[in-house]
Amino acid sequence: MKKLNKKIFGTLFFSIFGTVTGVGIVVPLLPVYAHNIGASGLYIGLIFGSFSLSRTFFLPYFGKQSDKKGRKPFIVAGLCAYTMVSLSFILANDVETLIGIRFIQGIASAMIMPAVQAYVGDITPVGREGFTMGLFNMSMFMGLSIGPLIGGVIYDSFSLNTSFASMGFLALAGLFLSLFLLPPTKSEMVVNRGIKPLAWKWLIQDRDMVGLFLFRLAYAACIGVLWSFLPVLADTEFSLSSSSIGFLVMLGVFSSGLLHIPMGFLADRINRKMMIVLGGLIISYAILSFEWTNSFNDLVVASVLFGIGGGVAMPALMALAVLKGNETASMGSVMGLLAMAHSLGMLIGSLLAGLMMDVFQLRYAFPSGAVIMAFCVGLFIACTYHKNGKPAKTDLRTGPLDFEI
């Protein structure tokens, strides 16, 4: 039985932890900063949406290329680009420049995430997909939990430019870890297995893959709504400090991250689809409840509940994704598609919520996320339901067969 390579896992874990912590420092501050320099709700949505737009276009390409050429080249190149782009935020002084920088940052991110997640999938032991992916996802959730809190403190104590510099420094640390500690590309399993990755025409027709894609899209749309407009709601209607806003954003991510290891362990033992549906329903109610908040405590409860929903659903979803990647010899493409769903969801969620804010009022931004999530939970059930109890398997050479994920 294959054992987890702890050196590779640890390097990927701490590289992404540092990078994502840097992102977490800055992202919750951007909506308030943009709002203060005159950005409308739609423009705030575009700041987040431009990042997601470029990721959406480039993720499938880089995911596919990592299946052919290995994971390390894309991880190192992406982290290098991310470092330089992060520091360029210091030079931005208008909304249009912020949108452009976020667009380029999305391309750098598209190089990193599918390659990193595929690398983890490559080294994951059979039967421990939920636990391993849940453990790895802790790197992102811990970074996004700590980042907003640190960012609020840095902004209140120093300046926004100091926050941008911190993001660049942490990305640079991740770059050095990956460059010097990951094994040479020629030793990677993906370049030595001698199996051609599955053709796209089969992968995108797989009903289970469609179901995973839609759920990930809906979850990301809800995140896009919260990250774009929870800081604005907290600032304009509750007059909270940057530190308090960072704490609110941290709560949702932190509560989700805490559940990833136990829920990943559980996902290796019970019905994963049931966990995804339950998590989706919790997410729908949680994001809807932001419309009814009347106090800081209400915001706290809604944020924690949202995190719980993600913590229940995502380890199970990523476990199914690892199985799909192994079965099709297309781990990078599978992870690229799911990351693409995340980016597209962030784009849809932030733009739709911004439009709802401009047409109606700020609080109407949140129900839009709940509608998307509830609708896609239904689509997930429809896509992953199979009359004979077994979904369609795809052979690496000839197409659909039968197998169960």
Protein backbone atom coordinates (compact mmCIF):
# COMPACT_ATOMS: atom_id res chain seq x y z
CA MET A 1 0.00 0.00 0.00
CA LYS A 2 1.29 3.43 -1.00
CA LYS A 3 2.38 5.62 1.92
CA LEU A 4 2.11 9.39 2.08
CA ASN A 5 5.41 11.12 1.23
CA LYS A 6 5.67 13.39 4.26
CA LYS A 7 8.48 15.56 2.87
CA ILE A 8 6.57 16.47 -0.30
CA PHE A 9 3.31 16.86 1.61
CA GLY A 10 4.92 19.11 4.23
CA THR A 11 6.62 21.27 1.60
CA LEU A 12 3.39 21.78 -0.32
CA PHE A 13 1.47 22.38 2.92
CA PHE A 14 3.73 25.13 4.25
CA SER A 15 4.32 26.73 0.82
CA ILE A 16 0.59 27.15 0.30
CA PHE A 17 0.01 28.10 3.93
CA GLY A 18 2.43 31.03 3.63
CA THR A 19 1.08 32.17 0.28
CA VAL A 20 -2.57 31.95 1.30
CA THR A 21 -1.88 33.73 4.59
CA GLY A 22 -0.55 36.63 2.53
CA VAL A 23 -3.69 36.64 0.41
CA GLY A 24 -5.83 36.55 3.56
CA ILE A 25 -3.99 39.59 4.92
CA VAL A 26 -5.01 41.75 1.96
CA VAL A 27 -8.25 40.46 0.41
CA PRO A 28 -10.66 41.52 3.22
CA LEU A 29 -9.17 45.04 3.12
CA LEU A 30 -9.67 45.54 -0.62
CA PRO A 31 -13.48 46.09 -0.60
CA VAL A 32 -13.28 48.81 2.06
CA TYR A 33 -10.27 50.41 0.34
CA ALA A 34 -12.05 50.38 -3.04
CA HIS A 35 -15.25 51.72 -1.49
CA ASN A 36 -13.31 54.57 0.12
CA ILE A 37 -11.81 55.64 -3.22
CA GLY A 38 -15.25 55.77 -4.83
CA ALA A 39 -15.91 52.30 -6.24
CA SER A 40 -19.54 51.31 -6.74
CA GLY A 41 -20.86 47.90 -5.78
CA LEU A 42 -20.32 46.66 -9.34
CA TYR A 43 -16.71 47.87 -9.36
CA ILE A 44 -16.06 46.15 -6.03
CA GLY A 45 -17.40 43.00 -7.64
CA LEU A 46 -15.07 43.54 -10.62
CA ILE A 47 -12.01 43.77 -8.36
CA PHE A 48 -12.75 40.26 -7.15
CA GLY A 49 -14.23 39.12 -10.44
CA SER A 50 -11.18 40.05 -12.55
CA PHE A 51 -9.05 37.65 -10.50
CA SER A 52 -11.61 34.91 -10.98
CA LEU A 53 -12.03 35.69 -14.69
CA SER A 54 -8.36 35.19 -15.55
CA ARG A 55 -8.19 32.05 -13.36
CA THR A 56 -11.24 30.66 -15.14
CA PHE A 57 -9.57 30.93 -18.55
CA PHE A 58 -6.13 29.66 -17.55
CA LEU A 59 -6.83 26.96 -14.93
CA PRO A 60 -7.83 24.18 -17.37
CA TYR A 61 -4.74 24.86 -19.48
CA PHE A 62 -2.24 24.80 -16.62
CA GLY A 63 -3.94 21.80 -15.00
CA LYS A 64 -3.71 19.85 -18.25
CA GLN A 65 -0.08 20.89 -18.80
CA SER A 66 0.87 19.74 -15.29
CA ASP A 67 -0.40 16.25 -16.23
CA LYS A 68 2.05 16.26 -19.12
CA LYS A 69 5.12 18.14 -17.86
CA GLY A 70 5.02 17.65 -14.09
CA ARG A 71 3.86 19.70 -11.10
CA LYS A 72 6.98 21.49 -9.82
CA PRO A 73 7.65 23.79 -12.83
CA PHE A 74 4.19 25.32 -12.59
CA ILE A 75 4.27 25.62 -8.79
CA VAL A 76 7.63 27.44 -8.82
CA ALA A 77 6.80 29.70 -11.78
CA GLY A 78 3.41 30.56 -10.32
CA LEU A 79 4.80 31.46 -6.90
CA CYS A 80 7.49 33.63 -8.52
CA ALA A 81 4.85 35.53 -10.53
CA TYR A 82 2.60 35.77 -7.46
CA THR A 83 5.39 37.41 -5.47
CA MET A 84 6.02 40.11 -8.06
CA VAL A 85 2.34 40.81 -8.66
CA SER A 86 1.64 41.02 -4.92
CA LEU A 87 4.21 43.78 -4.49
CA SER A 88 2.72 45.74 -7.41
CA PHE A 89 -0.38 46.48 -5.29
CA ILE A 90 1.72 49.13 -3.53
CA LEU A 91 1.74 51.17 -6.76
CA ALA A 92 -2.04 51.01 -7.29
CA ASN A 93 -4.01 54.19 -6.53
CA ASP A 94 -7.24 53.80 -8.50
CA VAL A 95 -9.92 51.19 -9.06
CA GLU A 96 -8.92 50.40 -12.66
CA THR A 97 -5.34 49.58 -11.62
CA LEU A 98 -6.60 47.31 -8.84
CA ILE A 99 -8.75 45.44 -11.35
CA GLY A 100 -5.78 44.99 -13.71
CA ILE A 101 -3.45 43.75 -10.98
CA ARG A 102 -6.03 41.29 -9.73
CA PHE A 103 -6.45 39.99 -13.30
CA ILE A 104 -2.71 39.25 -13.58
CA GLN A 105 -2.67 37.79 -10.06
CA GLY A 106 -5.36 35.36 -11.19
CA ILE A 107 -3.10 34.02 -13.95
CA ALA A 108 -0.32 33.40 -11.41
CA SER A 109 -2.79 31.62 -9.13
CA ALA A 110 -3.97 29.46 -12.05
CA MET A 111 -0.44 28.10 -12.38
CA ILE A 112 -0.21 27.18 -8.70
CA MET A 113 -3.43 25.66 -7.42
CA PRO A 114 -4.22 22.79 -9.84
CA ALA A 115 -0.58 21.68 -9.81
CA VAL A 116 -0.37 21.74 -6.00
CA GLN A 117 -3.67 19.93 -5.45
CA ALA A 118 -2.85 17.40 -8.17
CA TYR A 119 0.55 16.78 -6.55
CA VAL A 120 -1.17 16.04 -3.24
CA GLY A 121 -3.60 13.77 -5.08
CA ASP A 122 -0.66 11.94 -6.69
CA ILE A 123 0.85 11.03 -3.31
CA THR A 124 -2.44 10.29 -1.49
CA PRO A 125 -2.74 6.66 -0.22
CA VAL A 126 -5.73 4.67 -1.45
CA GLY A 127 -8.60 4.73 1.04
CA ARG A 128 -7.36 7.92 2.75
CA GLU A 129 -8.48 10.45 0.15
CA GLY A 130 -10.83 12.32 2.47
CA PHE A 131 -8.39 12.54 5.38
CA THR A 132 -5.37 13.52 3.24
CA MET A 133 -7.20 16.21 1.26
CA GLY A 134 -8.88 17.46 4.44
CA LEU A 135 -5.48 17.71 6.12
CA PHE A 136 -3.96 19.53 3.15
CA ASN A 137 -6.89 21.93 2.89
CA MET A 138 -6.01 22.98 6.43
CA SER A 139 -3.06 24.85 4.90
CA MET A 140 -5.44 27.08 2.96
CA PHE A 141 -8.05 27.45 5.65
CA MET A 142 -5.48 28.19 8.35
CA GLY A 143 -3.88 30.79 6.09
CA LEU A 144 -7.19 32.41 5.27
CA SER A 145 -8.14 32.32 8.98
CA ILE A 146 -4.97 33.92 10.29
CA GLY A 147 -4.49 36.28 7.34
CA PRO A 148 -7.55 38.52 7.76
CA LEU A 149 -6.90 38.93 11.48
CA ILE A 150 -3.24 39.81 10.90
CA GLY A 151 -4.23 42.08 8.02
CA GLY A 152 -6.65 44.04 10.16
CA VAL A 153 -4.03 44.53 12.87
CA ILE A 154 -1.35 45.57 10.34
CA TYR A 155 -3.71 48.02 8.65
CA ASP A 156 -4.81 49.59 11.94
CA SER A 157 -1.23 49.77 13.27
CA PHE A 158 0.72 50.62 10.10
CA SER A 159 -0.73 51.05 6.60
CA LEU A 160 -2.34 49.25 3.67
CA ASN A 161 1.00 49.24 1.82
CA THR A 162 2.54 47.31 4.72
CA SER A 163 -0.21 44.70 4.22
CA PHE A 164 0.66 44.47 0.51
CA ALA A 165 4.37 44.07 1.34
CA SER A 166 3.53 41.29 3.81
CA MET A 167 1.61 39.42 1.11
CA GLY A 168 4.61 39.63 -1.23
CA PHE A 169 7.05 38.46 1.43
CA LEU A 170 4.97 35.39 2.33
CA ALA A 171 4.60 34.44 -1.35
CA LEU A 172 8.39 34.68 -1.65
CA ALA A 173 8.79 32.34 1.33
CA GLY A 174 6.51 29.80 -0.37
CA LEU A 175 8.58 30.11 -3.54
CA PHE A 176 11.84 29.27 -1.74
CA LEU A 177 10.29 26.29 0.03
CA SER A 178 8.99 24.79 -3.22
CA LEU A 179 12.12 25.58 -5.22
CA PHE A 180 14.59 23.95 -2.84
CA LEU A 181 12.59 21.21 -1.07
CA LEU A 182 10.41 19.64 -3.77
CA PRO A 183 12.12 16.77 -5.63
CA PRO A 184 13.27 17.30 -9.25
CA THR A 185 10.50 17.12 -11.81
CA LYS A 186 11.96 14.00 -13.41
CA SER A 187 11.24 12.03 -10.22
CA GLU A 188 7.52 12.86 -10.15
CA MET A 189 5.09 10.01 -10.59
CA VAL A 190 3.06 11.92 -13.18
CA VAL A 191 5.98 12.09 -15.64
CA ASN A 192 7.06 8.46 -15.10
CA ARG A 193 3.81 6.50 -15.23
CA GLY A 194 3.69 6.27 -19.05
CA ILE A 195 -0.10 6.74 -19.22
CA LYS A 196 -1.69 9.37 -21.44
CA PRO A 197 -4.14 11.67 -19.57
CA LEU A 198 -7.82 11.32 -20.42
CA ALA A 199 -9.09 13.39 -23.33
CA TRP A 200 -11.10 16.45 -22.35
CA LYS A 201 -14.12 15.34 -24.38
CA TRP A 202 -14.62 12.42 -21.97
CA LEU A 203 -13.81 14.24 -18.77
CA ILE A 204 -16.27 17.10 -19.30
CA GLN A 205 -19.04 14.66 -20.24
CA ASP A 206 -18.72 12.70 -16.99
CA ARG A 207 -21.89 13.29 -14.94
CA ASP A 208 -20.13 12.95 -11.60
CA MET A 209 -17.53 15.49 -12.70
CA VAL A 210 -20.32 17.87 -13.72
CA GLY A 211 -21.95 17.46 -10.30
CA LEU A 212 -18.68 18.17 -8.46
CA PHE A 213 -18.06 21.17 -10.72
CA LEU A 214 -21.48 22.73 -10.08
CA PHE A 215 -21.30 22.30 -6.32
CA ARG A 216 -17.81 23.82 -6.16
CA LEU A 217 -19.04 26.72 -8.32
CA ALA A 218 -21.98 27.41 -6.00
CA TYR A 219 -19.83 27.27 -2.86
CA ALA A 220 -17.34 29.69 -4.39
CA ALA A 221 -20.17 32.03 -5.44
CA CYS A 222 -21.21 32.24 -1.79
CA ILE A 223 -17.62 32.95 -0.77
CA GLY A 224 -17.48 35.67 -3.43
CA VAL A 225 -20.59 37.29 -1.97
CA LEU A 226 -19.23 37.21 1.57
CA TRP A 227 -15.69 38.34 0.81
CA SER A 228 -16.92 41.19 -1.38
CA PHE A 229 -19.77 42.52 0.74
CA LEU A 230 -19.49 41.32 4.34
CA PRO A 231 -16.66 43.87 4.92
CA VAL A 232 -18.81 46.63 3.38
CA LEU A 233 -21.85 45.62 5.49
CA ALA A 234 -19.74 45.51 8.66
CA ASP A 235 -18.17 48.90 7.86
CA THR A 236 -21.22 50.88 6.72
CA GLU A 237 -24.01 49.48 8.93
CA PHE A 238 -22.11 48.35 12.03
CA SER A 239 -19.09 50.74 11.94
CA LEU A 240 -16.67 47.95 12.80
CA SER A 241 -12.89 48.43 12.79
CA SER A 242 -10.62 46.72 10.25
CA SER A 243 -9.53 44.31 12.97
CA SER A 244 -13.13 43.36 13.72
CA ILE A 245 -13.88 42.89 10.03
CA GLY A 246 -10.83 40.67 9.70
CA PHE A 247 -12.04 38.69 12.71
CA LEU A 248 -15.44 38.14 11.07
CA VAL A 249 -13.91 36.90 7.83
CA MET A 250 -11.52 34.73 9.83
CA LEU A 251 -14.34 33.07 11.76
CA GLY A 252 -16.00 31.58 8.69
CA VAL A 253 -12.74 30.24 7.31
CA PHE A 254 -11.43 29.07 10.69
CA SER A 255 -14.58 27.17 11.65
CA SER A 256 -14.51 25.43 8.27
CA GLY A 257 -10.82 24.60 8.60
CA LEU A 258 -11.28 23.06 12.05
CA LEU A 259 -13.72 20.56 10.58
CA HIS A 260 -11.64 19.49 7.60
CA ILE A 261 -9.60 16.81 9.36
CA PRO A 262 -12.48 15.14 11.29
CA MET A 263 -14.84 15.49 8.31
CA GLY A 264 -12.13 14.13 6.00
CA PHE A 265 -11.72 11.14 8.33
CA LEU A 266 -15.51 10.67 8.28
CA ALA A 267 -15.66 11.02 4.48
CA ASP A 268 -13.47 7.91 4.15
CA ARG A 269 -16.08 5.92 6.09
CA ILE A 270 -19.58 7.14 5.20
CA ASN A 271 -21.52 8.31 2.12
CA ARG A 272 -19.61 11.26 0.67
CA LYS A 273 -22.48 12.51 -1.46
CA MET A 274 -24.71 12.75 1.61
CA MET A 275 -22.06 14.90 3.33
CA ILE A 276 -21.87 17.23 0.32
CA VAL A 277 -25.65 17.72 0.19
CA LEU A 278 -25.89 18.34 3.95
CA GLY A 279 -23.07 20.87 3.81
CA GLY A 280 -24.71 22.64 0.88
CA LEU A 281 -27.99 23.05 2.74
CA ILE A 282 -26.20 24.49 5.78
CA ILE A 283 -24.33 26.94 3.52
CA SER A 284 -27.59 28.08 1.88
CA TYR A 285 -29.21 28.89 5.21
CA ALA A 286 -26.09 30.53 6.60
CA ILE A 287 -25.57 33.00 3.78
CA LEU A 288 -29.27 33.84 3.70
CA SER A 289 -29.13 34.68 7.41
CA PHE A 290 -26.75 37.60 6.76
CA GLU A 291 -29.75 39.52 5.44
CA TRP A 292 -31.37 39.36 8.89
CA THR A 293 -28.38 40.31 11.05
CA ASN A 294 -28.93 43.12 13.55
CA SER A 295 -25.79 42.97 15.67
CA PHE A 296 -22.15 41.95 15.71
CA ASN A 297 -23.14 38.69 17.44
CA ASP A 298 -25.55 37.90 14.59
CA LEU A 299 -22.70 38.36 12.11
CA VAL A 300 -20.52 36.02 14.18
CA VAL A 301 -23.16 33.26 14.27
CA ALA A 302 -23.83 33.51 10.52
CA SER A 303 -20.10 33.42 9.71
CA VAL A 304 -19.48 30.35 11.89
CA LEU A 305 -22.49 28.53 10.43
CA PHE A 306 -21.26 29.23 6.91
CA GLY A 307 -17.88 27.79 7.83
CA ILE A 308 -19.47 24.65 9.28
CA GLY A 309 -21.32 24.00 6.01
CA GLY A 310 -18.10 24.23 4.01
CA GLY A 311 -16.26 22.08 6.54
CA VAL A 312 -18.82 19.30 6.15
CA ALA A 313 -18.99 19.35 2.34
CA MET A 314 -15.51 20.11 0.99
CA PRO A 315 -13.43 17.15 2.33
CA ALA A 316 -15.96 14.75 0.82
CA LEU A 317 -15.99 16.63 -2.47
CA MET A 318 -12.19 16.67 -2.73
CA ALA A 319 -12.03 12.96 -1.88
CA LEU A 320 -14.31 12.20 -4.82
CA ALA A 321 -12.14 14.46 -6.98
CA VAL A 322 -8.97 12.51 -6.08
CA LEU A 323 -10.68 9.23 -6.99
CA LYS A 324 -11.80 10.71 -10.29
CA GLY A 325 -8.30 11.98 -11.02
CA ASN A 326 -6.74 8.58 -10.30
CA GLU A 327 -9.28 6.69 -12.37
CA THR A 328 -8.78 8.94 -15.41
CA ALA A 329 -5.01 9.55 -15.03
CA SER A 330 -5.90 13.25 -15.25
CA MET A 331 -5.41 14.54 -11.71
CA GLY A 332 -4.22 17.95 -12.90
CA SER A 333 -7.16 18.34 -15.27
CA VAL A 334 -9.67 17.32 -12.60
CA MET A 335 -8.19 19.72 -10.06
CA GLY A 336 -7.97 22.40 -12.73
CA LEU A 337 -11.65 22.01 -13.53
CA LEU A 338 -12.63 22.26 -9.87
CA ALA A 339 -10.38 25.29 -9.40
CA MET A 340 -11.98 26.75 -12.52
CA ALA A 341 -15.40 26.17 -10.94
CA HIS A 342 -14.17 28.01 -7.84
CA SER A 343 -12.99 30.98 -9.90
CA LEU A 344 -16.12 31.11 -12.03
CA GLY A 345 -18.25 30.91 -8.89
CA MET A 346 -16.34 33.76 -7.25
CA LEU A 347 -16.89 35.81 -10.41
CA ILE A 348 -20.60 35.06 -10.63
CA GLY A 349 -21.18 35.54 -6.90
CA SER A 350 -19.35 38.85 -6.57
CA LEU A 351 -20.83 40.39 -9.75
CA LEU A 352 -24.39 39.24 -9.04
CA ALA A 353 -24.20 40.47 -5.44
CA GLY A 354 -22.76 43.81 -6.60
CA LEU A 355 -25.60 44.19 -9.07
CA MET A 356 -28.15 43.40 -6.34
CA MET A 357 -26.54 46.03 -4.11
CA ASP A 358 -26.67 48.71 -6.83
CA VAL A 359 -30.23 47.92 -7.96
CA PHE A 360 -31.77 47.27 -4.54
CA GLN A 361 -29.69 47.60 -1.36
CA LEU A 362 -26.60 46.12 0.26
CA ARG A 363 -28.39 43.43 2.28
CA TYR A 364 -30.00 42.02 -0.87
CA ALA A 365 -26.56 40.87 -2.01
CA PHE A 366 -26.63 37.88 0.33
CA PRO A 367 -29.83 36.04 -0.75
CA SER A 368 -28.39 35.78 -4.27
CA GLY A 369 -25.73 33.41 -2.91
CA ALA A 370 -28.31 31.31 -1.10
CA VAL A 371 -30.36 30.87 -4.30
CA ILE A 372 -27.29 29.76 -6.29
CA MET A 373 -26.26 27.26 -3.60
CA ALA A 374 -29.70 25.70 -3.19
CA PHE A 375 -30.15 25.38 -6.96
CA CYS A 376 -26.74 23.72 -7.45
CA VAL A 377 -27.34 21.28 -4.57
CA GLY A 378 -30.34 20.06 -6.55
CA LEU A 379 -28.24 19.80 -9.72
CA PHE A 380 -25.54 17.90 -7.83
CA ILE A 381 -28.09 15.33 -6.67
CA ALA A 382 -29.46 14.97 -10.21
CA CYS A 383 -26.01 14.61 -11.80
CA THR A 384 -24.62 12.08 -9.33
CA TYR A 385 -27.74 9.90 -9.08
CA HIS A 386 -27.52 6.67 -11.05
CA LYS A 387 -30.40 4.24 -11.47
CA ASN A 388 -28.17 1.19 -11.30
CA GLY A 389 -26.22 2.60 -8.38
CA LYS A 390 -23.04 2.92 -10.44
CA PRO A 391 -21.84 5.96 -12.35
CA ALA A 392 -20.13 5.74 -15.70
CA LYS A 393 -16.44 4.97 -15.67
CA THR A 394 -14.20 6.34 -18.42
CA ASP A 395 -11.50 4.11 -19.83
CA LEU A 396 -8.22 5.86 -20.68
CA ARG A 397 -8.43 4.79 -24.32
CA THR A 398 -12.00 4.00 -25.34
CA GLY A 399 -14.46 6.02 -23.27
CA PRO A 400 -17.31 5.27 -20.85
CA LEU A 401 -17.39 2.07 -18.77
CA ASP A 402 -18.83 1.44 -15.28
CA PHE A 403 -17.35 2.27 -11.91
CA GLU A 404 -18.35 3.70 -8.56
CA ILE A 405 -16.67 6.67 -6.88
